[in-house]
C-alpha cells in the first residue's frame, strides 16, 4: 500500500488534509445556502413592499398618464443600468442578478397596472370593463405580460390600445434583452473573478 511505502507520518498528513478539506467545504456550503436564502428573502420583501405601495399610493392625483408612465420607465431603465454595474462587481453575481430581476419585473408590471387603473378612472370608455379596481388593473397587466388574454378585460379606446401595444413591445424586451443583459453581466463578473482566484492559488503555492 502507498501508506506503507511512504510511512505513517505521510498517511497521517494526507488524512489531516482530507479532513480539513471536508471541514472547509461544510461552511462554504452552509454559507451558500444562507446567501441564497437571504437573496430570496430580500426579493420577496421588495416585491411585497412594491405591491403594498401600489395599493396605498394616491394614484387618483395622477393626471397625465403618458408622461408619468414615460418618467417611470426611464427611471426603471436607469435602475437596470445601475443593477448591471452592481452585478458585474458583485462577489456573487448570480444571486445579485436574481435579486435584480425579482425587483425589476414587479416594478415594470406595477407601473403599467398603475397606468391602466388611472386611465380607467379618468375615462370609463378606455376599457371594456368600465370600472377597474387596482386588482383588476394588475390582473389585466399580468394577462398582457403572459400573453394569456382571457378577454374579460380589453382595451377599448385608441389611447388604451396604444399603451397596451407599448407594454407588449416592452414585454419582449424585458424577456429578451434585459434578461440577456443580466446573464452577460453575470458571465463577465465570473470571468473577471477567475484570474483573481487563480492568482491567489499561485501565491499560496509559492
N, C-alpha and C. Protein backbone atom coordinates (compact mmCIF):
# COMPACT_ATOMS: atom_id res chain seq x y z
N UNK A 1 0.84 -1.20 0.00
CA UNK A 1 0.00 0.00 0.00
C UNK A 1 0.87 1.24 0.00
N UNK A 2 0.31 2.34 -0.42
CA UNK A 2 1.08 3.58 -0.51
C UNK A 2 1.45 4.07 0.88
N UNK A 3 0.55 3.84 1.89
CA UNK A 3 0.86 4.28 3.25
C UNK A 3 2.09 3.58 3.79
N UNK A 4 2.23 2.27 3.47
CA UNK A 4 3.38 1.52 3.96
C UNK A 4 4.65 2.01 3.29
N UNK A 5 4.55 2.37 2.02
CA UNK A 5 5.74 2.84 1.32
C UNK A 5 6.19 4.21 1.80
N UNK A 6 5.25 5.11 2.04
CA UNK A 6 5.60 6.48 2.39
C UNK A 6 5.76 6.69 3.88
N UNK A 7 5.25 5.76 4.67
CA UNK A 7 5.40 5.93 6.10
C UNK A 7 4.12 6.40 6.76
N UNK A 8 4.08 6.18 8.09
CA UNK A 8 2.89 6.53 8.87
C UNK A 8 2.64 8.04 8.86
N UNK A 9 3.70 8.84 8.95
CA UNK A 9 3.54 10.30 9.01
C UNK A 9 2.91 10.83 7.73
N UNK A 10 3.29 10.24 6.59
CA UNK A 10 2.72 10.70 5.32
C UNK A 10 1.23 10.40 5.25
N UNK A 11 0.84 9.18 5.70
CA UNK A 11 -0.57 8.82 5.70
C UNK A 11 -1.36 9.71 6.63
N UNK A 12 -0.80 9.98 7.80
CA UNK A 12 -1.49 10.82 8.77
C UNK A 12 -1.66 12.23 8.23
N UNK A 13 -0.61 12.72 7.54
CA UNK A 13 -0.71 14.06 6.96
C UNK A 13 -1.76 14.13 5.88
N UNK A 14 -1.84 13.10 5.04
CA UNK A 14 -2.86 13.07 3.99
C UNK A 14 -4.25 13.01 4.57
N UNK A 15 -4.41 12.24 5.65
CA UNK A 15 -5.73 12.15 6.29
C UNK A 15 -6.13 13.49 6.88
N UNK A 16 -5.18 14.20 7.47
CA UNK A 16 -5.47 15.50 8.05
C UNK A 16 -5.89 16.50 6.99
N UNK A 17 -5.21 16.44 5.84
CA UNK A 17 -5.58 17.35 4.75
C UNK A 17 -6.98 17.06 4.25
N UNK A 18 -7.33 15.76 4.15
CA UNK A 18 -8.67 15.39 3.68
C UNK A 18 -9.74 15.87 4.66
N UNK A 19 -9.49 15.67 5.95
CA UNK A 19 -10.46 16.11 6.96
C UNK A 19 -10.62 17.62 6.93
N UNK A 20 -9.50 18.34 6.78
CA UNK A 20 -9.56 19.80 6.74
C UNK A 20 -10.33 20.29 5.52
N UNK A 21 -10.13 19.61 4.39
CA UNK A 21 -10.85 20.00 3.18
C UNK A 21 -12.35 19.78 3.35
N UNK A 22 -12.70 18.66 4.02
CA UNK A 22 -14.12 18.42 4.25
C UNK A 22 -14.72 19.44 5.19
N UNK A 23 -13.94 19.82 6.23
CA UNK A 23 -14.42 20.82 7.16
C UNK A 23 -14.56 22.17 6.49
N UNK A 24 -13.65 22.51 5.59
CA UNK A 24 -13.74 23.78 4.87
C UNK A 24 -14.92 23.79 3.91
N UNK A 25 -15.28 22.63 3.36
CA UNK A 25 -16.38 22.57 2.41
C UNK A 25 -17.73 22.76 3.07
N UNK A 26 -17.88 22.28 4.34
CA UNK A 26 -19.15 22.41 5.03
C UNK A 26 -19.55 23.85 5.26
N UNK A 27 -18.66 24.69 5.83
CA UNK A 27 -19.03 26.09 6.00
C UNK A 27 -19.33 26.78 4.68
N UNK A 28 -18.59 26.39 3.63
CA UNK A 28 -18.83 27.01 2.33
C UNK A 28 -20.22 26.68 1.82
N UNK A 29 -20.64 25.41 1.96
CA UNK A 29 -21.98 25.02 1.53
C UNK A 29 -23.05 25.70 2.37
N UNK A 30 -22.81 25.78 3.68
CA UNK A 30 -23.77 26.44 4.55
C UNK A 30 -23.87 27.92 4.22
N UNK A 31 -22.74 28.53 3.95
CA UNK A 31 -22.74 29.96 3.62
C UNK A 31 -23.48 30.21 2.32
N UNK A 32 -23.30 29.32 1.37
CA UNK A 32 -24.01 29.47 0.09
C UNK A 32 -25.51 29.34 0.28
N UNK A 33 -25.93 28.36 1.08
CA UNK A 33 -27.36 28.21 1.34
C UNK A 33 -27.91 29.44 2.06
N UNK A 34 -27.12 29.98 2.97
CA UNK A 34 -27.57 31.17 3.68
C UNK A 34 -27.69 32.36 2.75
N UNK A 35 -26.74 32.52 1.83
CA UNK A 35 -26.80 33.61 0.85
C UNK A 35 -28.01 33.47 -0.06
N UNK A 36 -28.29 32.24 -0.49
CA UNK A 36 -29.46 32.01 -1.34
C UNK A 36 -30.74 32.34 -0.58
N UNK A 37 -30.80 31.94 0.69
CA UNK A 37 -31.97 32.26 1.50
C UNK A 37 -32.16 33.75 1.69
N UNK A 38 -31.06 34.46 1.95
CA UNK A 38 -31.14 35.91 2.12
C UNK A 38 -31.57 36.59 0.83
N UNK A 39 -31.04 36.12 -0.30
CA UNK A 39 -31.42 36.71 -1.60
C UNK A 39 -32.91 36.50 -1.86
N UNK A 40 -33.41 35.29 -1.58
CA UNK A 40 -34.83 35.02 -1.77
C UNK A 40 -35.69 35.87 -0.84
N UNK A 41 -35.23 36.02 0.40
CA UNK A 41 -35.98 36.83 1.36
C UNK A 41 -36.03 38.30 0.94
N UNK A 42 -34.89 38.83 0.51
CA UNK A 42 -34.85 40.23 0.07
C UNK A 42 -35.73 40.44 -1.16
N UNK A 43 -35.68 39.51 -2.09
CA UNK A 43 -36.51 39.62 -3.30
C UNK A 43 -37.99 39.61 -2.95
N UNK A 44 -38.38 38.71 -2.07
CA UNK A 44 -39.78 38.63 -1.65
C UNK A 44 -40.20 39.89 -0.91
N UNK A 45 -39.31 40.39 -0.05
CA UNK A 45 -39.63 41.59 0.72
C UNK A 45 -39.82 42.80 -0.19
N UNK A 46 -38.95 42.95 -1.18
CA UNK A 46 -39.06 44.07 -2.12
C UNK A 46 -40.36 43.97 -2.91
N UNK A 47 -40.71 42.77 -3.35
CA UNK A 47 -41.94 42.57 -4.10
C UNK A 47 -43.16 42.94 -3.26
N UNK A 48 -43.16 42.51 -2.00
CA UNK A 48 -44.28 42.82 -1.11
C UNK A 48 -44.40 44.32 -0.90
N UNK A 49 -43.26 44.98 -0.69
CA UNK A 49 -43.28 46.44 -0.48
C UNK A 49 -43.84 47.15 -1.72
N UNK A 50 -43.41 46.73 -2.91
CA UNK A 50 -43.89 47.36 -4.14
C UNK A 50 -45.40 47.16 -4.32
N UNK A 51 -45.88 45.96 -4.03
CA UNK A 51 -47.32 45.70 -4.16
C UNK A 51 -48.12 46.52 -3.15
N UNK A 52 -47.62 46.60 -1.92
CA UNK A 52 -48.30 47.40 -0.91
C UNK A 52 -48.35 48.87 -1.33
N UNK A 53 -47.25 49.39 -1.84
CA UNK A 53 -47.23 50.78 -2.32
C UNK A 53 -48.22 50.98 -3.46
N UNK A 54 -48.33 50.00 -4.32
CA UNK A 54 -49.28 50.09 -5.43
C UNK A 54 -50.72 50.25 -4.93
N UNK A 55 -51.03 49.55 -3.84
CA UNK A 55 -52.40 49.60 -3.33
C UNK A 55 -52.67 50.82 -2.43
N UNK A 56 -51.64 51.42 -1.86
CA UNK A 56 -51.88 52.51 -0.91
C UNK A 56 -51.56 53.89 -1.47
N UNK A 57 -50.75 53.99 -2.51
CA UNK A 57 -50.41 55.31 -3.05
C UNK A 57 -51.65 55.97 -3.66
N UNK A 58 -51.76 57.28 -3.50
CA UNK A 58 -52.91 58.00 -4.07
C UNK A 58 -52.77 58.23 -5.57
N UNK A 59 -53.08 57.22 -6.34
CA UNK A 59 -52.95 57.31 -7.80
C UNK A 59 -53.99 58.22 -8.43
N UNK A 60 -55.01 58.58 -7.67
CA UNK A 60 -56.06 59.44 -8.22
C UNK A 60 -55.53 60.82 -8.60
N UNK A 61 -54.41 61.21 -8.00
CA UNK A 61 -53.85 62.54 -8.27
C UNK A 61 -53.06 62.57 -9.58
N UNK A 62 -52.80 61.41 -10.16
CA UNK A 62 -52.06 61.37 -11.43
C UNK A 62 -52.99 61.81 -12.55
N UNK A 63 -52.56 62.82 -13.29
CA UNK A 63 -53.40 63.37 -14.36
C UNK A 63 -52.89 62.99 -15.75
N UNK A 64 -51.61 63.16 -15.97
CA UNK A 64 -51.04 62.90 -17.30
C UNK A 64 -50.40 61.51 -17.31
N UNK A 65 -51.15 60.52 -17.76
CA UNK A 65 -50.68 59.14 -17.72
C UNK A 65 -49.47 58.91 -18.63
N UNK A 66 -49.46 59.37 -19.90
CA UNK A 66 -48.30 59.12 -20.77
C UNK A 66 -46.99 59.66 -20.20
N UNK A 67 -47.04 60.89 -19.67
CA UNK A 67 -45.82 61.50 -19.12
C UNK A 67 -45.37 60.74 -17.88
N UNK A 68 -46.31 60.43 -17.01
CA UNK A 68 -45.96 59.72 -15.78
C UNK A 68 -45.40 58.34 -16.07
N UNK A 69 -46.03 57.64 -17.02
CA UNK A 69 -45.55 56.31 -17.39
C UNK A 69 -44.17 56.38 -18.03
N UNK A 70 -43.96 57.38 -18.88
CA UNK A 70 -42.65 57.54 -19.52
C UNK A 70 -41.55 57.81 -18.49
N UNK A 71 -41.85 58.70 -17.55
CA UNK A 71 -40.87 59.01 -16.50
C UNK A 71 -40.57 57.75 -15.68
N UNK A 72 -41.60 56.99 -15.35
CA UNK A 72 -41.39 55.76 -14.59
C UNK A 72 -40.54 54.75 -15.33
N UNK A 73 -40.77 54.61 -16.63
CA UNK A 73 -39.98 53.67 -17.43
C UNK A 73 -38.54 54.13 -17.57
N UNK A 74 -38.32 55.45 -17.68
CA UNK A 74 -36.95 55.96 -17.75
C UNK A 74 -36.21 55.68 -16.45
N UNK A 75 -36.89 55.92 -15.33
CA UNK A 75 -36.28 55.63 -14.03
C UNK A 75 -35.97 54.14 -13.92
N UNK A 76 -36.89 53.30 -14.40
CA UNK A 76 -36.66 51.85 -14.38
C UNK A 76 -35.45 51.47 -15.23
N UNK A 77 -35.31 52.09 -16.41
CA UNK A 77 -34.17 51.81 -17.28
C UNK A 77 -32.86 52.22 -16.62
N UNK A 78 -32.86 53.38 -15.96
CA UNK A 78 -31.66 53.82 -15.25
C UNK A 78 -31.32 52.85 -14.13
N UNK A 79 -32.36 52.37 -13.44
CA UNK A 79 -32.13 51.39 -12.38
C UNK A 79 -31.55 50.10 -12.92
N UNK A 80 -32.00 49.66 -14.10
CA UNK A 80 -31.46 48.44 -14.70
C UNK A 80 -29.99 48.60 -15.04
N UNK A 81 -29.62 49.77 -15.58
CA UNK A 81 -28.21 50.03 -15.88
C UNK A 81 -27.37 49.99 -14.61
N UNK A 82 -27.90 50.59 -13.54
CA UNK A 82 -27.18 50.54 -12.27
C UNK A 82 -27.05 49.13 -11.73
N UNK A 83 -28.11 48.33 -11.89
CA UNK A 83 -28.06 46.94 -11.44
C UNK A 83 -27.02 46.14 -12.21
N UNK A 84 -26.88 46.41 -13.50
CA UNK A 84 -25.89 45.70 -14.31
C UNK A 84 -24.48 46.00 -13.80
N UNK A 85 -24.23 47.23 -13.41
CA UNK A 85 -22.91 47.58 -12.87
C UNK A 85 -22.66 46.89 -11.54
N UNK A 86 -23.70 46.84 -10.72
CA UNK A 86 -23.55 46.16 -9.42
C UNK A 86 -23.30 44.68 -9.61
N UNK A 87 -24.02 44.07 -10.55
CA UNK A 87 -23.84 42.63 -10.81
C UNK A 87 -22.43 42.34 -11.29
N UNK A 88 -21.89 43.17 -12.17
CA UNK A 88 -20.56 42.92 -12.73
C UNK A 88 -19.47 43.04 -11.68
N UNK A 89 -19.76 43.69 -10.55
CA UNK A 89 -18.75 43.85 -9.50
C UNK A 89 -19.06 43.05 -8.24
N UNK A 90 -20.15 42.30 -8.26
CA UNK A 90 -20.59 41.57 -7.07
C UNK A 90 -19.75 40.32 -6.85
N UNK A 91 -19.63 39.93 -5.59
CA UNK A 91 -18.91 38.70 -5.24
C UNK A 91 -19.71 37.47 -5.66
N UNK A 92 -21.03 37.60 -5.65
CA UNK A 92 -21.91 36.50 -6.07
C UNK A 92 -22.85 37.06 -7.14
N UNK A 93 -22.38 37.19 -8.36
CA UNK A 93 -23.17 37.85 -9.41
C UNK A 93 -24.46 37.14 -9.76
N UNK A 94 -24.48 35.81 -9.68
CA UNK A 94 -25.70 35.07 -10.00
C UNK A 94 -26.83 35.43 -9.05
N UNK A 95 -26.55 35.44 -7.75
CA UNK A 95 -27.56 35.79 -6.77
C UNK A 95 -27.99 37.24 -6.93
N UNK A 96 -27.02 38.10 -7.21
CA UNK A 96 -27.35 39.52 -7.38
C UNK A 96 -28.24 39.74 -8.60
N UNK A 97 -28.01 38.97 -9.65
CA UNK A 97 -28.85 39.09 -10.85
C UNK A 97 -30.27 38.63 -10.58
N UNK A 98 -30.42 37.56 -9.80
CA UNK A 98 -31.76 37.09 -9.45
C UNK A 98 -32.50 38.15 -8.64
N UNK A 99 -31.81 38.78 -7.69
CA UNK A 99 -32.43 39.84 -6.92
C UNK A 99 -32.84 41.01 -7.81
N UNK A 100 -31.96 41.37 -8.73
CA UNK A 100 -32.26 42.49 -9.62
C UNK A 100 -33.47 42.20 -10.49
N UNK A 101 -33.55 40.98 -11.01
CA UNK A 101 -34.69 40.61 -11.85
C UNK A 101 -35.97 40.55 -11.03
N UNK A 102 -35.86 40.07 -9.79
CA UNK A 102 -37.03 39.98 -8.92
C UNK A 102 -37.54 41.36 -8.51
N UNK A 103 -36.70 42.37 -8.61
CA UNK A 103 -37.13 43.74 -8.33
C UNK A 103 -37.63 44.43 -9.58
N UNK A 104 -36.94 44.21 -10.69
CA UNK A 104 -37.27 44.90 -11.95
C UNK A 104 -38.62 44.46 -12.50
N UNK A 105 -38.88 43.17 -12.52
CA UNK A 105 -40.12 42.67 -13.13
C UNK A 105 -41.37 43.15 -12.41
N UNK A 106 -41.46 43.02 -11.06
CA UNK A 106 -42.67 43.54 -10.39
C UNK A 106 -42.85 45.05 -10.59
N UNK A 107 -41.75 45.80 -10.55
CA UNK A 107 -41.86 47.24 -10.74
C UNK A 107 -42.37 47.57 -12.14
N UNK A 108 -41.90 46.85 -13.13
CA UNK A 108 -42.35 47.04 -14.51
C UNK A 108 -43.85 46.78 -14.63
N UNK A 109 -44.31 45.68 -14.06
CA UNK A 109 -45.73 45.33 -14.13
C UNK A 109 -46.60 46.33 -13.37
N UNK A 110 -46.11 46.76 -12.21
CA UNK A 110 -46.90 47.68 -11.39
C UNK A 110 -46.98 49.06 -12.02
N UNK A 111 -45.98 49.45 -12.79
CA UNK A 111 -46.05 50.73 -13.50
C UNK A 111 -47.21 50.73 -14.49
N UNK A 112 -47.32 49.66 -15.26
CA UNK A 112 -48.41 49.59 -16.23
C UNK A 112 -49.76 49.38 -15.55
N UNK A 113 -49.79 48.62 -14.47
CA UNK A 113 -51.04 48.44 -13.73
C UNK A 113 -51.54 49.79 -13.21
N UNK A 114 -50.62 50.60 -12.72
CA UNK A 114 -51.00 51.93 -12.24
C UNK A 114 -51.54 52.78 -13.38
N UNK A 115 -50.90 52.69 -14.55
CA UNK A 115 -51.37 53.46 -15.70
C UNK A 115 -52.78 53.03 -16.12
N UNK A 116 -53.03 51.73 -16.16
CA UNK A 116 -54.35 51.24 -16.54
C UNK A 116 -55.42 51.66 -15.52
N UNK A 117 -55.06 51.61 -14.25
CA UNK A 117 -56.01 52.00 -13.21
C UNK A 117 -56.39 53.47 -13.35
N UNK A 118 -55.39 54.32 -13.54
CA UNK A 118 -55.66 55.76 -13.67
C UNK A 118 -56.46 56.04 -14.94
N UNK A 119 -56.14 55.36 -16.03
CA UNK A 119 -56.88 55.56 -17.28
C UNK A 119 -58.34 55.15 -17.14
N UNK A 120 -58.59 54.04 -16.43
CA UNK A 120 -59.97 53.60 -16.23
C UNK A 120 -60.74 54.58 -15.36
N UNK A 121 -60.05 55.18 -14.40
CA UNK A 121 -60.72 56.15 -13.53
C UNK A 121 -61.00 57.46 -14.27
N UNK A 122 -60.07 57.85 -15.14
CA UNK A 122 -60.24 59.13 -15.85
C UNK A 122 -61.29 59.04 -16.94
N UNK A 123 -61.41 57.88 -17.59
CA UNK A 123 -62.40 57.71 -18.66
C UNK A 123 -62.86 56.26 -18.68
N UNK A 124 -64.10 55.99 -18.29
CA UNK A 124 -64.61 54.61 -18.27
C UNK A 124 -64.60 53.94 -19.64
N UNK A 125 -64.53 54.75 -20.71
CA UNK A 125 -64.58 54.18 -22.06
C UNK A 125 -63.24 53.58 -22.49
N UNK A 126 -62.20 53.70 -21.67
CA UNK A 126 -60.89 53.18 -22.06
C UNK A 126 -60.83 51.66 -22.08
N UNK A 127 -61.69 51.02 -21.27
CA UNK A 127 -61.65 49.55 -21.18
C UNK A 127 -63.07 48.99 -21.29
N UNK A 128 -63.14 47.74 -21.71
CA UNK A 128 -64.44 47.09 -21.88
C UNK A 128 -65.17 46.97 -20.55
N UNK A 129 -64.42 46.70 -19.48
CA UNK A 129 -64.98 46.73 -18.13
C UNK A 129 -64.80 48.15 -17.62
N UNK A 130 -65.86 48.92 -17.56
CA UNK A 130 -65.75 50.37 -17.39
C UNK A 130 -65.08 50.77 -16.08
N UNK A 131 -65.28 50.03 -15.03
CA UNK A 131 -64.69 50.38 -13.75
C UNK A 131 -63.66 49.32 -13.36
N UNK A 132 -62.40 49.75 -13.30
CA UNK A 132 -61.32 48.83 -12.93
C UNK A 132 -60.84 49.15 -11.52
N UNK A 133 -60.78 48.11 -10.68
CA UNK A 133 -60.13 48.26 -9.39
C UNK A 133 -58.62 48.10 -9.59
N UNK A 134 -57.87 48.31 -8.56
CA UNK A 134 -56.41 48.13 -8.66
C UNK A 134 -56.09 46.67 -8.93
N UNK A 135 -56.85 45.78 -8.34
CA UNK A 135 -56.63 44.36 -8.60
C UNK A 135 -56.97 44.03 -10.06
N UNK A 136 -58.03 44.61 -10.57
CA UNK A 136 -58.39 44.40 -11.98
C UNK A 136 -57.27 44.88 -12.90
N UNK A 137 -56.72 46.05 -12.60
CA UNK A 137 -55.66 46.61 -13.43
C UNK A 137 -54.41 45.74 -13.39
N UNK A 138 -54.07 45.25 -12.20
CA UNK A 138 -52.91 44.37 -12.07
C UNK A 138 -53.15 43.05 -12.79
N UNK A 139 -54.34 42.53 -12.66
CA UNK A 139 -54.73 41.29 -13.35
C UNK A 139 -54.61 41.46 -14.87
N UNK A 140 -55.11 42.56 -15.38
CA UNK A 140 -55.04 42.82 -16.82
C UNK A 140 -53.59 42.95 -17.27
N UNK A 141 -52.77 43.62 -16.48
CA UNK A 141 -51.35 43.78 -16.81
C UNK A 141 -50.65 42.43 -16.91
N UNK A 142 -50.91 41.55 -15.95
CA UNK A 142 -50.27 40.23 -15.93
C UNK A 142 -50.75 39.38 -17.10
N UNK A 143 -52.03 39.48 -17.47
CA UNK A 143 -52.51 38.70 -18.61
C UNK A 143 -51.87 39.18 -19.91
N UNK A 144 -51.66 40.49 -20.03
CA UNK A 144 -50.97 41.01 -21.22
C UNK A 144 -49.52 40.54 -21.22
N UNK A 145 -48.87 40.58 -20.07
CA UNK A 145 -47.46 40.17 -19.98
C UNK A 145 -47.29 38.69 -20.30
N UNK A 146 -48.20 37.88 -19.81
CA UNK A 146 -48.10 36.43 -20.01
C UNK A 146 -48.72 35.98 -21.33
N UNK A 147 -49.26 36.94 -22.09
CA UNK A 147 -49.91 36.68 -23.39
C UNK A 147 -51.06 35.67 -23.27
N UNK A 148 -51.72 35.66 -22.11
CA UNK A 148 -52.86 34.75 -21.94
C UNK A 148 -54.09 35.36 -22.59
N UNK A 149 -54.45 36.58 -22.17
CA UNK A 149 -55.55 37.29 -22.79
C UNK A 149 -56.88 36.57 -22.72
N UNK A 150 -57.49 36.50 -21.53
CA UNK A 150 -58.78 35.81 -21.38
C UNK A 150 -59.91 36.54 -22.10
N UNK A 151 -59.77 37.83 -22.29
CA UNK A 151 -60.80 38.59 -22.99
C UNK A 151 -61.85 39.21 -22.10
N UNK A 152 -61.80 38.92 -20.79
CA UNK A 152 -62.79 39.52 -19.89
C UNK A 152 -62.55 41.01 -19.70
N UNK A 153 -61.29 41.44 -19.84
CA UNK A 153 -60.94 42.86 -19.82
C UNK A 153 -60.12 43.14 -21.07
N UNK A 154 -60.49 44.17 -21.80
CA UNK A 154 -59.75 44.51 -23.01
C UNK A 154 -59.72 46.02 -23.18
N UNK A 155 -58.70 46.50 -23.89
CA UNK A 155 -58.58 47.93 -24.17
C UNK A 155 -59.61 48.31 -25.23
N UNK A 156 -60.40 49.37 -24.94
CA UNK A 156 -61.48 49.77 -25.85
C UNK A 156 -61.16 51.04 -26.62
N UNK A 157 -60.48 51.98 -25.99
CA UNK A 157 -60.18 53.25 -26.66
C UNK A 157 -58.85 53.15 -27.39
N UNK A 158 -58.60 54.11 -28.27
CA UNK A 158 -57.34 54.14 -29.02
C UNK A 158 -56.16 54.39 -28.08
N UNK A 159 -56.35 55.26 -27.10
CA UNK A 159 -55.26 55.57 -26.16
C UNK A 159 -54.88 54.33 -25.36
N UNK A 160 -55.88 53.62 -24.85
CA UNK A 160 -55.60 52.42 -24.06
C UNK A 160 -54.91 51.36 -24.90
N UNK A 161 -55.32 51.24 -26.14
CA UNK A 161 -54.71 50.24 -27.01
C UNK A 161 -53.25 50.58 -27.32
N UNK A 162 -52.95 51.86 -27.45
CA UNK A 162 -51.56 52.27 -27.67
C UNK A 162 -50.70 51.91 -26.46
N UNK A 163 -51.22 52.15 -25.27
CA UNK A 163 -50.47 51.80 -24.05
C UNK A 163 -50.26 50.30 -23.96
N UNK A 164 -51.28 49.52 -24.33
CA UNK A 164 -51.14 48.06 -24.31
C UNK A 164 -50.10 47.61 -25.33
N UNK A 165 -50.08 48.24 -26.50
CA UNK A 165 -49.07 47.91 -27.51
C UNK A 165 -47.67 48.19 -26.98
N UNK A 166 -47.52 49.33 -26.31
CA UNK A 166 -46.22 49.67 -25.72
C UNK A 166 -45.80 48.61 -24.70
N UNK A 167 -46.76 48.18 -23.87
CA UNK A 167 -46.42 47.14 -22.91
C UNK A 167 -46.02 45.84 -23.59
N UNK A 168 -46.74 45.46 -24.64
CA UNK A 168 -46.40 44.23 -25.36
C UNK A 168 -44.98 44.28 -25.92
N UNK A 169 -44.63 45.42 -26.52
CA UNK A 169 -43.28 45.55 -27.08
C UNK A 169 -42.22 45.52 -25.98
N UNK A 170 -42.50 46.20 -24.88
CA UNK A 170 -41.54 46.20 -23.77
C UNK A 170 -41.48 44.84 -23.08
N UNK A 171 -42.59 44.09 -23.13
CA UNK A 171 -42.56 42.72 -22.60
C UNK A 171 -41.51 41.88 -23.33
N UNK A 172 -41.46 42.02 -24.65
CA UNK A 172 -40.47 41.29 -25.43
C UNK A 172 -39.06 41.70 -25.04
N UNK A 173 -38.87 43.01 -24.80
CA UNK A 173 -37.55 43.49 -24.38
C UNK A 173 -37.20 42.97 -22.99
N UNK A 174 -38.20 42.97 -22.11
CA UNK A 174 -37.95 42.51 -20.74
C UNK A 174 -37.57 41.04 -20.71
N UNK A 175 -38.27 40.24 -21.53
CA UNK A 175 -37.98 38.81 -21.56
C UNK A 175 -36.70 38.50 -22.35
N UNK A 176 -36.36 39.38 -23.28
CA UNK A 176 -35.20 39.12 -24.13
C UNK A 176 -33.96 39.88 -23.73
N UNK A 177 -33.94 41.17 -24.02
CA UNK A 177 -32.72 41.96 -23.85
C UNK A 177 -32.31 42.12 -22.38
N UNK A 178 -33.27 42.40 -21.51
CA UNK A 178 -32.92 42.65 -20.11
C UNK A 178 -32.37 41.39 -19.45
N UNK A 179 -33.07 40.26 -19.65
CA UNK A 179 -32.58 39.00 -19.07
C UNK A 179 -31.22 38.64 -19.65
N UNK A 180 -31.07 38.85 -20.94
CA UNK A 180 -29.79 38.55 -21.58
C UNK A 180 -28.69 39.46 -21.05
N UNK A 181 -29.03 40.72 -20.78
CA UNK A 181 -28.05 41.64 -20.23
C UNK A 181 -27.62 41.22 -18.83
N UNK A 182 -28.58 40.76 -18.02
CA UNK A 182 -28.23 40.27 -16.69
C UNK A 182 -27.33 39.05 -16.78
N UNK A 183 -27.65 38.13 -17.68
CA UNK A 183 -26.83 36.92 -17.84
C UNK A 183 -25.42 37.29 -18.30
N UNK A 184 -25.30 38.23 -19.22
CA UNK A 184 -23.99 38.67 -19.69
C UNK A 184 -23.19 39.31 -18.57
N UNK A 185 -23.86 40.08 -17.71
CA UNK A 185 -23.18 40.71 -16.59
C UNK A 185 -22.66 39.65 -15.62
N UNK A 186 -23.45 38.60 -15.39
CA UNK A 186 -23.02 37.51 -14.51
C UNK A 186 -21.80 36.80 -15.10
N UNK A 187 -21.84 36.50 -16.39
CA UNK A 187 -20.72 35.82 -17.03
C UNK A 187 -19.47 36.69 -17.01
N UNK A 188 -19.63 37.99 -17.22
CA UNK A 188 -18.49 38.90 -17.19
C UNK A 188 -17.87 38.95 -15.80
N UNK A 189 -18.71 38.99 -14.78
CA UNK A 189 -18.20 39.03 -13.41
C UNK A 189 -17.45 37.76 -13.05
N UNK A 190 -17.96 36.62 -13.50
CA UNK A 190 -17.29 35.35 -13.20
C UNK A 190 -15.96 35.23 -13.95
N UNK A 191 -15.91 35.75 -15.17
CA UNK A 191 -14.66 35.72 -15.93
C UNK A 191 -13.61 36.62 -15.29
N UNK A 192 -14.04 37.73 -14.74
CA UNK A 192 -13.10 38.62 -14.06
C UNK A 192 -12.61 38.02 -12.75
N UNK A 193 -13.48 37.25 -12.09
CA UNK A 193 -13.11 36.66 -10.81
C UNK A 193 -12.19 35.46 -10.98
N UNK A 194 -12.27 34.76 -12.10
CA UNK A 194 -11.48 33.55 -12.31
C UNK A 194 -9.98 33.82 -12.27
N UNK A 195 -9.44 34.84 -12.96
CA UNK A 195 -7.99 35.10 -12.87
C UNK A 195 -7.54 35.46 -11.47
N UNK A 196 -8.40 36.17 -10.71
CA UNK A 196 -8.04 36.53 -9.35
C UNK A 196 -7.91 35.31 -8.46
N UNK A 197 -8.83 34.33 -8.65
CA UNK A 197 -8.77 33.10 -7.87
C UNK A 197 -7.51 32.31 -8.22
N UNK A 198 -7.20 32.25 -9.53
CA UNK A 198 -6.02 31.52 -9.96
C UNK A 198 -4.76 32.17 -9.44
N UNK A 199 -4.72 33.52 -9.41
CA UNK A 199 -3.56 34.23 -8.90
C UNK A 199 -3.38 33.97 -7.42
N UNK A 200 -4.50 33.92 -6.67
CA UNK A 200 -4.41 33.62 -5.25
C UNK A 200 -3.87 32.22 -5.01
N UNK A 201 -4.28 31.26 -5.84
CA UNK A 201 -3.76 29.89 -5.67
C UNK A 201 -2.28 29.82 -5.96
N UNK A 202 -1.84 30.55 -6.98
CA UNK A 202 -0.42 30.56 -7.33
C UNK A 202 0.41 31.17 -6.21
N UNK A 203 -0.13 32.24 -5.59
CA UNK A 203 0.59 32.89 -4.49
C UNK A 203 0.70 31.95 -3.29
N UNK A 204 -0.41 31.23 -3.00
CA UNK A 204 -0.39 30.28 -1.88
C UNK A 204 0.58 29.14 -2.16
N UNK A 205 0.62 28.69 -3.42
CA UNK A 205 1.53 27.60 -3.76
C UNK A 205 2.98 28.04 -3.62
N UNK A 206 3.24 29.34 -3.97
CA UNK A 206 4.60 29.82 -3.87
C UNK A 206 5.02 30.02 -2.43
